[in-house]
Amino acid sequence: MSTATAAVDGAVTKVAAVLDEAARTRTPCPPVRSLLPAGDIDTAYAVQRLHVSRAVAAGRRPVGRKIGLTSPAVQKQLGVEQPDFGVLFADMAVPEGRPVEAGRLLQPKVEAEVALVLGTDLPHRAPTVADLLRATAFALPALEIVDSRVAGWDIDIVDTVADNASCGLFVLGGTPTPLDRVDLRAIRMTLTRDDETVSEGTGADCLGSPLTAALWLAATLADRGDPLRAGDILLTGALGPMAVATAGDEFTARIEGLGTVSTSFATGAADTGEGRSA
């Protein structure tokens, strides 16, 4: 092993330890980008893979992927030209009607998304829309509750990729809709917090369509030798801006053609410290 390789491996291990400690102690850490080669997204994904492998070894079950950075405005802000992805685990799923437990998350924010559930594998390196439509069993309305182990959400692309794409929890609606019954590009979304509208958007706000985001993910993972599989849940990316969540909040997303999905935060849940600016 070369000196340079050993240094990168050491940095990967160190960053994984810093993020794990932040999650374990419920104390956000400083940005981790300074511990990795500047702008090195591949090394950030190496941190993510280490996190995932350790989680699997500890008994956690992967159930799908999330796509992040699907908004052109956010991509521009972070200086990137493509989305990122993270791994979803079964213990991240929160059933509708069950509040998010107090203190479970550090700095939660909520966004409304389209979830796709695959019925067959998607192994192709250059999948077509037809491949994706055939492989998808149904769509669901979803809420992703993103969280960051980095203090104050002071992140760039390296921070968020290393931090498993800022995964937190997710909530799925209970009524599956086949894709031949809905135009995902044209759908409209409204997200309310305690009956106040806090986010709006359309399917076109997610990389032009949630299907476009899903195709990017399928191609990216197939190219990495880790393709999407039957049964995987895909959170395809936000349809509108994120909204800060605090203790006692109740959120409902209404997504045209897919229905509604709701969640709430138990009183006493960790406050973001950011106030109600979003």
C-alpha atoms as a PDB file:
ATOM      1  CA  MET A   1       0.000   0.000   0.000  1.00  0.00           C
ATOM      2  CA  SER A   2       1.370   3.391  -0.996  1.00  0.00           C
ATOM      3  CA  THR A   3       1.777   6.226   1.487  1.00  0.00           C
ATOM      4  CA  ALA A   4      -0.926   8.218  -0.310  1.00  0.00           C
ATOM      5  CA  THR A   5      -3.381   5.307  -0.200  1.00  0.00           C
ATOM      6  CA  ALA A   6      -2.686   4.728   3.475  1.00  0.00           C
ATOM      7  CA  ALA A   7      -3.318   8.416   4.173  1.00  0.00           C
ATOM      8  CA  VAL A   8      -6.674   8.345   2.384  1.00  0.00           C
ATOM      9  CA  ASP A   9      -7.696   5.152   4.168  1.00  0.00           C
ATOM     10  CA  GLY A  10      -6.759   6.746   7.463  1.00  0.00           C
ATOM     11  CA  ALA A  11      -8.824   9.825   6.663  1.00  0.00           C
ATOM     12  CA  VAL A  12     -11.823   7.673   5.729  1.00  0.00           C
ATOM     13  CA  THR A  13     -11.622   5.820   9.030  1.00  0.00           C
ATOM     14  CA  LYS A  14     -11.228   9.053  10.999  1.00  0.00           C
ATOM     15  CA  VAL A  15     -14.195  10.779   9.360  1.00  0.00           C
ATOM     16  CA  ALA A  16     -16.390   7.715   9.879  1.00  0.00           C
ATOM     17  CA  ALA A  17     -15.428   7.743  13.561  1.00  0.00           C
ATOM     18  CA  VAL A  18     -16.234  11.461  13.916  1.00  0.00           C
ATOM     19  CA  LEU A  19     -19.678  11.045  12.335  1.00  0.00           C
ATOM     20  CA  ASP A  20     -20.409   7.896  14.337  1.00  0.00           C
ATOM     21  CA  GLU A  21     -19.499   9.703  17.553  1.00  0.00           C
ATOM     22  CA  ALA A  22     -21.796  12.602  16.666  1.00  0.00           C
ATOM     23  CA  ALA A  23     -24.674  10.175  16.095  1.00  0.00           C
ATOM     24  CA  ARG A  24     -23.922   8.193  19.255  1.00  0.00           C
ATOM     25  CA  THR A  25     -23.601  11.188  21.573  1.00  0.00           C
ATOM     26  CA  ARG A  26     -26.346  13.239  19.871  1.00  0.00           C
ATOM     27  CA  THR A  27     -23.815  16.075  19.583  1.00  0.00           C
ATOM     28  CA  PRO A  28     -23.292  17.520  16.081  1.00  0.00           C
ATOM     29  CA  CYS A  29     -19.689  17.684  14.940  1.00  0.00           C
ATOM     30  CA  PRO A  30     -17.779  20.321  12.951  1.00  0.00           C
ATOM     31  CA  PRO A  31     -17.716  19.910   9.158  1.00  0.00           C
ATOM     32  CA  VAL A  32     -15.674  16.882   8.116  1.00  0.00           C
ATOM     33  CA  ARG A  33     -14.620  18.172   4.683  1.00  0.00           C
ATOM     34  CA  SER A  34     -11.346  19.512   6.091  1.00  0.00           C
ATOM     35  CA  LEU A  35     -10.381  15.937   7.048  1.00  0.00           C
ATOM     36  CA  LEU A  36     -10.732  14.665   3.456  1.00  0.00           C
ATOM     37  CA  PRO A  37      -9.073  15.675   0.172  1.00  0.00           C
ATOM     38  CA  ALA A  38     -10.720  18.879  -1.029  1.00  0.00           C
ATOM     39  CA  GLY A  39     -13.756  18.201  -3.200  1.00  0.00           C
ATOM     40  CA  ASP A  40     -13.055  14.446  -3.311  1.00  0.00           C
ATOM     41  CA  ILE A  41     -16.537  12.968  -3.645  1.00  0.00           C
ATOM     42  CA  ASP A  42     -15.212   9.446  -4.261  1.00  0.00           C
ATOM     43  CA  THR A  43     -13.434   9.449  -0.903  1.00  0.00           C
ATOM     44  CA  ALA A  44     -16.602  10.784   0.734  1.00  0.00           C
ATOM     45  CA  TYR A  45     -18.473   7.800  -0.714  1.00  0.00           C
ATOM     46  CA  ALA A  46     -15.770   5.561   0.760  1.00  0.00           C
ATOM     47  CA  VAL A  47     -16.731   6.948   4.174  1.00  0.00           C
ATOM     48  CA  GLN A  48     -20.367   6.219   3.399  1.00  0.00           C
ATOM     49  CA  ARG A  49     -19.558   2.636   2.346  1.00  0.00           C
ATOM     50  CA  LEU A  50     -17.655   2.081   5.588  1.00  0.00           C
ATOM     51  CA  HIS A  51     -20.640   3.356   7.558  1.00  0.00           C
ATOM     52  CA  VAL A  52     -22.995   1.069   5.632  1.00  0.00           C
ATOM     53  CA  SER A  53     -20.791  -2.010   6.012  1.00  0.00           C
ATOM     54  CA  ARG A  54     -20.534  -1.434   9.759  1.00  0.00           C
ATOM     55  CA  ALA A  55     -24.299  -0.914  10.015  1.00  0.00           C
ATOM     56  CA  VAL A  56     -24.982  -4.161   8.143  1.00  0.00           C
ATOM     57  CA  ALA A  57     -22.488  -6.005  10.348  1.00  0.00           C
ATOM     58  CA  ALA A  58     -24.390  -4.671  13.366  1.00  0.00           C
ATOM     59  CA  GLY A  59     -27.627  -6.168  12.023  1.00  0.00           C
ATOM     60  CA  ARG A  60     -29.266  -3.224  10.275  1.00  0.00           C
ATOM     61  CA  ARG A  61     -31.120  -4.097   7.054  1.00  0.00           C
ATOM     62  CA  PRO A  62     -30.739  -1.961   3.901  1.00  0.00           C
ATOM     63  CA  VAL A  63     -34.069  -1.438   2.138  1.00  0.00           C
ATOM     64  CA  GLY A  64     -33.280   1.082  -0.588  1.00  0.00           C
ATOM     65  CA  ARG A  65     -31.683   4.389  -1.513  1.00  0.00           C
ATOM     66  CA  LYS A  66     -32.386   8.086  -1.297  1.00  0.00           C
ATOM     67  CA  ILE A  67     -31.450  10.658  -3.887  1.00  0.00           C
ATOM     68  CA  GLY A  68     -30.351  14.086  -2.714  1.00  0.00           C
ATOM     69  CA  LEU A  69     -29.370  17.378  -4.322  1.00  0.00           C
ATOM     70  CA  THR A  70     -32.021  17.120  -7.032  1.00  0.00           C
ATOM     71  CA  SER A  71     -32.675  20.852  -6.971  1.00  0.00           C
ATOM     72  CA  PRO A  72     -30.581  22.854  -9.479  1.00  0.00           C
ATOM     73  CA  ALA A  73     -30.468  25.736  -6.986  1.00  0.00           C
ATOM     74  CA  VAL A  74     -28.988  23.521  -4.259  1.00  0.00           C
ATOM     75  CA  GLN A  75     -26.532  21.966  -6.728  1.00  0.00           C
ATOM     76  CA  LYS A  76     -25.343  25.444  -7.656  1.00  0.00           C
ATOM     77  CA  GLN A  77     -25.021  26.389  -4.009  1.00  0.00           C
ATOM     78  CA  LEU A  78     -22.803  23.370  -3.301  1.00  0.00           C
ATOM     79  CA  GLY A  79     -20.861  23.652  -6.558  1.00  0.00           C
ATOM     80  CA  VAL A  80     -21.913  20.306  -8.055  1.00  0.00           C
ATOM     81  CA  GLU A  81     -23.634  19.258 -11.259  1.00  0.00           C
ATOM     82  CA  GLN A  82     -25.210  15.997 -10.183  1.00  0.00           C
ATOM     83  CA  PRO A  83     -27.251  14.547  -7.311  1.00  0.00           C
ATOM     84  CA  ASP A  84     -25.913  12.332  -4.555  1.00  0.00           C
ATOM     85  CA  PHE A  85     -27.288   9.206  -2.900  1.00  0.00           C
ATOM     86  CA  GLY A  86     -27.435   7.453   0.444  1.00  0.00           C
ATOM     87  CA  VAL A  87     -28.605   4.136   1.828  1.00  0.00           C
ATOM     88  CA  LEU A  88     -31.958   3.617   3.552  1.00  0.00           C
ATOM     89  CA  PHE A  89     -32.257   1.107   6.393  1.00  0.00           C
ATOM     90  CA  ALA A  90     -35.402  -0.578   7.668  1.00  0.00           C
ATOM     91  CA  ASP A  91     -35.057   1.088  11.064  1.00  0.00           C
ATOM     92  CA  MET A  92     -35.313   4.507   9.390  1.00  0.00           C
ATOM     93  CA  ALA A  93     -38.923   3.844   8.359  1.00  0.00           C
ATOM     94  CA  VAL A  94     -41.519   5.525  10.581  1.00  0.00           C
ATOM     95  CA  PRO A  95     -45.109   4.284  10.146  1.00  0.00           C
ATOM     96  CA  GLU A  96     -47.806   6.895   9.675  1.00  0.00           C
ATOM     97  CA  GLY A  97     -49.514   7.627  12.974  1.00  0.00           C
ATOM     98  CA  ARG A  98     -46.395   6.969  15.054  1.00  0.00           C
ATOM     99  CA  PRO A  99     -44.654  10.186  16.151  1.00  0.00           C
ATOM    100  CA  VAL A 100     -40.926  10.599  15.718  1.00  0.00           C
ATOM    101  CA  GLU A 101     -39.533   9.879  19.171  1.00  0.00           C
ATOM    102  CA  ALA A 102     -38.128  12.674  21.297  1.00  0.00           C
ATOM    103  CA  GLY A 103     -34.396  13.139  20.786  1.00  0.00           C
ATOM    104  CA  ARG A 104     -34.094  10.615  17.953  1.00  0.00           C
ATOM    105  CA  LEU A 105     -32.739  13.175  15.487  1.00  0.00           C
ATOM    106  CA  LEU A 106     -30.295  16.058  15.821  1.00  0.00           C
ATOM    107  CA  GLN A 107     -31.368  18.742  13.315  1.00  0.00           C
ATOM    108  CA  PRO A 108     -34.405  17.430  11.437  1.00  0.00           C
ATOM    109  CA  LYS A 109     -35.901  18.956   8.325  1.00  0.00           C
ATOM    110  CA  VAL A 110     -38.821  17.581   6.322  1.00  0.00           C
ATOM    111  CA  GLU A 111     -39.275  17.346   2.564  1.00  0.00           C
ATOM    112  CA  ALA A 112     -41.987  15.797   0.418  1.00  0.00           C
ATOM    113  CA  GLU A 113     -40.997  13.267  -2.241  1.00  0.00           C
ATOM    114  CA  VAL A 114     -42.168  10.529  -4.552  1.00  0.00           C
ATOM    115  CA  ALA A 115     -41.110   7.056  -3.470  1.00  0.00           C
ATOM    116  CA  LEU A 116     -40.785   4.271  -6.025  1.00  0.00           C
ATOM    117  CA  VAL A 117     -40.822   0.616  -5.011  1.00  0.00           C
ATOM    118  CA  LEU A 118     -39.147  -1.755  -7.459  1.00  0.00           C
ATOM    119  CA  GLY A 119     -40.734  -5.032  -8.498  1.00  0.00           C
ATOM    120  CA  THR A 120     -37.695  -6.284 -10.454  1.00  0.00           C
ATOM    121  CA  ASP A 121     -33.952  -5.622 -10.589  1.00  0.00           C
ATOM    122  CA  LEU A 122     -32.490  -2.696 -12.552  1.00  0.00           C
ATOM    123  CA  PRO A 123     -29.018  -3.963 -13.475  1.00  0.00           C
ATOM    124  CA  HIS A 124     -28.457  -1.965 -16.687  1.00  0.00           C
ATOM    125  CA  ARG A 125     -25.676   0.622 -16.876  1.00  0.00           C
ATOM    126  CA  ALA A 126     -27.730   2.707 -19.293  1.00  0.00           C
ATOM    127  CA  PRO A 127     -31.344   2.098 -18.270  1.00  0.00           C
ATOM    128  CA  THR A 128     -34.161   3.575 -20.308  1.00  0.00           C
ATOM    129  CA  VAL A 129     -37.409   5.074 -19.067  1.00  0.00           C
ATOM    130  CA  ALA A 130     -39.104   1.907 -20.321  1.00  0.00           C
ATOM    131  CA  ASP A 131     -36.747  -0.215 -18.191  1.00  0.00           C
ATOM    132  CA  LEU A 132     -37.600   1.870 -15.141  1.00  0.00           C
ATOM    133  CA  LEU A 133     -41.348   1.777 -15.776  1.00  0.00           C
ATOM    134  CA  ARG A 134     -41.268  -2.009 -16.165  1.00  0.00           C
ATOM    135  CA  ALA A 135     -39.184  -2.436 -13.023  1.00  0.00           C
ATOM    136  CA  THR A 136     -41.317  -0.195 -10.785  1.00  0.00           C
ATOM    137  CA  ALA A 137     -44.141  -1.933  -8.956  1.00  0.00           C
ATOM    138  CA  PHE A 138     -45.772   1.273  -7.692  1.00  0.00           C
ATOM    139  CA  ALA A 139     -45.269   4.802  -6.384  1.00  0.00           C
ATOM    140  CA  LEU A 140     -46.098   6.214  -2.955  1.00  0.00           C
ATOM    141  CA  PRO A 141     -46.186   9.683  -1.428  1.00  0.00           C
ATOM    142  CA  ALA A 142     -43.305  10.041   1.015  1.00  0.00           C
ATOM    143  CA  LEU A 143     -41.780  12.335   3.600  1.00  0.00           C
ATOM    144  CA  GLU A 144     -38.048  12.274   4.045  1.00  0.00           C
ATOM    145  CA  ILE A 145     -36.866  13.595   7.397  1.00  0.00           C
ATOM    146  CA  VAL A 146     -33.309  14.596   6.645  1.00  0.00           C
ATOM    147  CA  ASP A 147     -30.790  15.059   9.421  1.00  0.00           C
ATOM    148  CA  SER A 148     -27.160  16.114   9.602  1.00  0.00           C
ATOM    149  CA  ARG A 149     -24.502  15.047  12.031  1.00  0.00           C
ATOM    150  CA  VAL A 150     -22.644  18.263  11.061  1.00  0.00           C
ATOM    151  CA  ALA A 151     -23.377  21.227  13.319  1.00  0.00           C
ATOM    152  CA  GLY A 152     -25.640  23.930  11.927  1.00  0.00           C
ATOM    153  CA  TRP A 153     -26.017  22.134   8.586  1.00  0.00           C
ATOM    154  CA  ASP A 154     -22.667  23.694   7.611  1.00  0.00           C
ATOM    155  CA  ILE A 155     -22.156  21.234   4.770  1.00  0.00           C
ATOM    156  CA  ASP A 156     -20.820  20.941   1.270  1.00  0.00           C
ATOM    157  CA  ILE A 157     -21.056  17.945  -1.070  1.00  0.00           C
ATOM    158  CA  VAL A 158     -18.227  16.087   0.691  1.00  0.00           C
ATOM    159  CA  ASP A 159     -19.839  16.490   4.109  1.00  0.00           C
ATOM    160  CA  THR A 160     -23.259  15.284   3.053  1.00  0.00           C
ATOM    161  CA  VAL A 161     -22.030  12.308   0.996  1.00  0.00           C
ATOM    162  CA  ALA A 162     -19.798  11.127   3.838  1.00  0.00           C
ATOM    163  CA  ASP A 163     -22.769  11.527   6.197  1.00  0.00           C
ATOM    164  CA  ASN A 164     -24.835   9.032   4.170  1.00  0.00           C
ATOM    165  CA  ALA A 165     -26.426  11.867   2.182  1.00  0.00           C
ATOM    166  CA  SER A 166     -27.794  13.381   5.409  1.00  0.00           C
ATOM    167  CA  CYS A 167     -30.201  10.466   5.874  1.00  0.00           C
ATOM    168  CA  GLY A 168     -32.470  10.563   8.879  1.00  0.00           C
ATOM    169  CA  LEU A 169     -35.865   8.862   8.684  1.00  0.00           C
ATOM    170  CA  PHE A 170     -38.656   8.422   6.148  1.00  0.00           C
ATOM    171  CA  VAL A 171     -42.417   7.974   6.126  1.00  0.00           C
ATOM    172  CA  LEU A 172     -44.319   6.247   3.326  1.00  0.00           C
ATOM    173  CA  GLY A 173     -47.976   6.735   2.458  1.00  0.00           C
ATOM    174  CA  GLY A 174     -50.100   3.626   2.432  1.00  0.00           C
ATOM    175  CA  THR A 175     -51.819   3.698  -0.962  1.00  0.00           C
ATOM    176  CA  PRO A 176     -49.702   2.363  -3.847  1.00  0.00           C
ATOM    177  CA  THR A 177     -50.242   3.876  -7.297  1.00  0.00           C
ATOM    178  CA  PRO A 178     -49.087   2.213 -10.535  1.00  0.00           C
ATOM    179  CA  LEU A 179     -47.056   4.530 -12.744  1.00  0.00           C
ATOM    180  CA  ASP A 180     -49.505   4.247 -15.644  1.00  0.00           C
ATOM    181  CA  ARG A 181     -52.034   6.169 -13.520  1.00  0.00           C
ATOM    182  CA  VAL A 182     -49.943   9.254 -12.782  1.00  0.00           C
ATOM    183  CA  ASP A 183     -47.723  11.716 -14.663  1.00  0.00           C
ATOM    184  CA  LEU A 184     -44.881  12.211 -12.203  1.00  0.00           C
ATOM    185  CA  ARG A 185     -43.503  15.228 -14.027  1.00  0.00           C
ATOM    186  CA  ALA A 186     -46.801  17.111 -13.767  1.00  0.00           C
ATOM    187  CA  ILE A 187     -47.765  16.295 -10.183  1.00  0.00           C
ATOM    188  CA  ARG A 188     -48.151  19.135  -7.695  1.00  0.00           C
ATOM    189  CA  MET A 189     -47.080  18.960  -4.065  1.00  0.00           C
ATOM    190  CA  THR A 190     -48.094  20.969  -1.004  1.00  0.00           C
ATOM    191  CA  LEU A 191     -46.409  20.430   2.365  1.00  0.00           C
ATOM    192  CA  THR A 192     -48.065  21.839   5.479  1.00  0.00           C
ATOM    193  CA  ARG A 193     -46.770  22.187   9.016  1.00  0.00           C
ATOM    194  CA  ASP A 194     -49.573  22.525  11.541  1.00  0.00           C
ATOM    195  CA  ASP A 195     -51.918  23.470   8.656  1.00  0.00           C
ATOM    196  CA  GLU A 196     -49.594  26.229   7.377  1.00  0.00           C
ATOM    197  CA  THR A 197     -48.150  25.736   3.882  1.00  0.00           C
ATOM    198  CA  VAL A 198     -44.367  25.624   4.177  1.00  0.00           C
ATOM    199  CA  SER A 199     -43.339  24.105   0.831  1.00  0.00           C
ATOM    200  CA  GLU A 200     -44.763  23.708  -2.651  1.00  0.00           C
ATOM    201  CA  GLY A 201     -43.458  22.254  -5.877  1.00  0.00           C
ATOM    202  CA  THR A 202     -44.011  19.928  -8.803  1.00  0.00           C
ATOM    203  CA  GLY A 203     -42.500  16.781 -10.198  1.00  0.00           C
ATOM    204  CA  ALA A 204     -40.610  18.909 -12.691  1.00  0.00           C
ATOM    205  CA  ASP A 205     -38.751  20.534  -9.772  1.00  0.00           C
ATOM    206  CA  CYS A 206     -36.990  17.218  -9.124  1.00  0.00           C
ATOM    207  CA  LEU A 207     -34.399  17.074 -11.942  1.00  0.00           C
ATOM    208  CA  GLY A 208     -37.229  17.584 -14.420  1.00  0.00           C
ATOM    209  CA  SER A 209     -39.042  14.480 -13.183  1.00  0.00           C
ATOM    210  CA  PRO A 210     -38.687  11.953 -10.353  1.00  0.00           C
ATOM    211  CA  LEU A 211     -38.186   9.376 -13.109  1.00  0.00           C
ATOM    212  CA  THR A 212     -35.113  11.260 -14.339  1.00  0.00           C
ATOM    213  CA  ALA A 213     -33.690  11.205 -10.812  1.00  0.00           C
ATOM    214  CA  ALA A 214     -34.383   7.473 -10.508  1.00  0.00           C
ATOM    215  CA  LEU A 215     -32.704   6.778 -13.856  1.00  0.00           C
ATOM    216  CA  TRP A 216     -29.607   8.658 -12.710  1.00  0.00           C
ATOM    217  CA  LEU A 217     -29.474   6.564  -9.550  1.00  0.00           C
ATOM    218  CA  ALA A 218     -30.016   3.286 -11.394  1.00  0.00           C
ATOM    219  CA  ALA A 219     -27.236   4.038 -13.877  1.00  0.00           C
ATOM    220  CA  THR A 220     -24.846   5.289 -11.190  1.00  0.00           C
ATOM    221  CA  LEU A 221     -25.281   2.245  -8.969  1.00  0.00           C
ATOM    222  CA  ALA A 222     -25.071  -0.222 -11.865  1.00  0.00           C
ATOM    223  CA  ASP A 223     -21.820   1.425 -12.948  1.00  0.00           C
ATOM    224  CA  ARG A 224     -20.485   0.951  -9.412  1.00  0.00           C
ATOM    225  CA  GLY A 225     -21.396  -2.743  -9.461  1.00  0.00           C
ATOM    226  CA  ASP A 226     -24.153  -2.332  -6.860  1.00  0.00           C
ATOM    227  CA  PRO A 227     -27.385  -2.155  -8.890  1.00  0.00           C
ATOM    228  CA  LEU A 228     -30.878  -1.547  -7.634  1.00  0.00           C
ATOM    229  CA  ARG A 229     -32.764  -4.713  -6.734  1.00  0.00           C
ATOM    230  CA  ALA A 230     -36.376  -5.882  -6.577  1.00  0.00           C
ATOM    231  CA  GLY A 231     -38.014  -4.602  -3.420  1.00  0.00           C
ATOM    232  CA  ASP A 232     -35.812  -1.527  -3.114  1.00  0.00           C
ATOM    233  CA  ILE A 233     -37.446   1.715  -1.979  1.00  0.00           C
ATOM    234  CA  LEU A 234     -36.248   4.783  -3.884  1.00  0.00           C
ATOM    235  CA  LEU A 235     -36.769   8.231  -2.414  1.00  0.00           C
ATOM    236  CA  THR A 236     -36.423  10.221  -5.606  1.00  0.00           C
ATOM    237  CA  GLY A 237     -35.715  13.688  -4.213  1.00  0.00           C
ATOM    238  CA  ALA A 238     -37.485  16.745  -2.862  1.00  0.00           C
ATOM    239  CA  LEU A 239     -40.354  18.284  -4.794  1.00  0.00           C
ATOM    240  CA  GLY A 240     -39.926  21.583  -2.963  1.00  0.00           C
ATOM    241  CA  PRO A 241     -37.875  23.296  -0.252  1.00  0.00           C
ATOM    242  CA  MET A 242     -37.164  21.592   3.071  1.00  0.00           C
ATOM    243  CA  ALA A 243     -38.969  22.744   6.229  1.00  0.00           C
ATOM    244  CA  VAL A 244     -37.417  22.844   9.686  1.00  0.00           C
ATOM    245  CA  ALA A 245     -39.041  20.484  12.218  1.00  0.00           C
ATOM    246  CA  THR A 246     -39.322  21.084  15.951  1.00  0.00           C
ATOM    247  CA  ALA A 247     -41.006  19.308  18.849  1.00  0.00           C
ATOM    248  CA  GLY A 248     -44.781  19.116  18.519  1.00  0.00           C
ATOM    249  CA  ASP A 249     -44.899  19.821  14.778  1.00  0.00           C
ATOM    250  CA  GLU A 250     -47.248  17.916  12.488  1.00  0.00           C
ATOM    251  CA  PHE A 251     -46.535  17.680   8.758  1.00  0.00           C
ATOM    252  CA  THR A 252     -48.747  16.554   5.883  1.00  0.00           C
ATOM    253  CA  ALA A 253     -47.754  16.307   2.230  1.00  0.00           C
ATOM    254  CA  ARG A 254     -50.420  16.266  -0.448  1.00  0.00           C
ATOM    255  CA  ILE A 255     -49.101  14.987  -3.753  1.00  0.00           C
ATOM    256  CA  GLU A 256     -51.477  15.145  -6.689  1.00  0.00           C
ATOM    257  CA  GLY A 257     -52.271  11.693  -8.043  1.00  0.00           C
ATOM    258  CA  LEU A 258     -50.565   9.890  -5.146  1.00  0.00           C
ATOM    259  CA  GLY A 259     -52.487  11.039  -2.069  1.00  0.00           C
ATOM    260  CA  THR A 260     -51.251  12.213   1.310  1.00  0.00           C
ATOM    261  CA  VAL A 261     -48.652  11.226   3.884  1.00  0.00           C
ATOM    262  CA  SER A 262     -48.243  12.636   7.401  1.00  0.00           C
ATOM    263  CA  THR A 263     -45.928  12.566  10.370  1.00  0.00           C
ATOM    264  CA  SER A 264     -45.512  14.327  13.705  1.00  0.00           C
ATOM    265  CA  PHE A 265     -42.732  15.049  16.181  1.00  0.00           C
ATOM    266  CA  ALA A 266     -43.248  14.100  19.799  1.00  0.00           C
ATOM    267  CA  THR A 267     -43.048  16.844  22.379  1.00  0.00           C
ATOM    268  CA  GLY A 268     -39.546  17.028  23.750  1.00  0.00           C
ATOM    269  CA  ALA A 269     -37.848  16.020  20.472  1.00  0.00           C
ATOM    270  CA  ALA A 270     -34.465  17.621  19.904  1.00  0.00           C
ATOM    271  CA  ASP A 271     -34.800  21.199  18.688  1.00  0.00           C
ATOM    272  CA  THR A 272     -32.858  22.259  15.644  1.00  0.00           C
ATOM    273  CA  GLY A 273     -31.794  25.531  17.185  1.00  0.00           C
ATOM    274  CA  GLU A 274     -32.655  27.183  13.875  1.00  0.00           C
ATOM    275  CA  GLY A 275     -36.088  28.542  14.702  1.00  0.00           C
ATOM    276  CA  ARG A 276     -38.964  28.619  12.258  1.00  0.00           C
ATOM    277  CA  SER A 277     -37.288  30.242   9.264  1.00  0.00           C
ATOM    278  CA  ALA A 278     -38.542  27.610   6.818  1.00  0.00           C
END
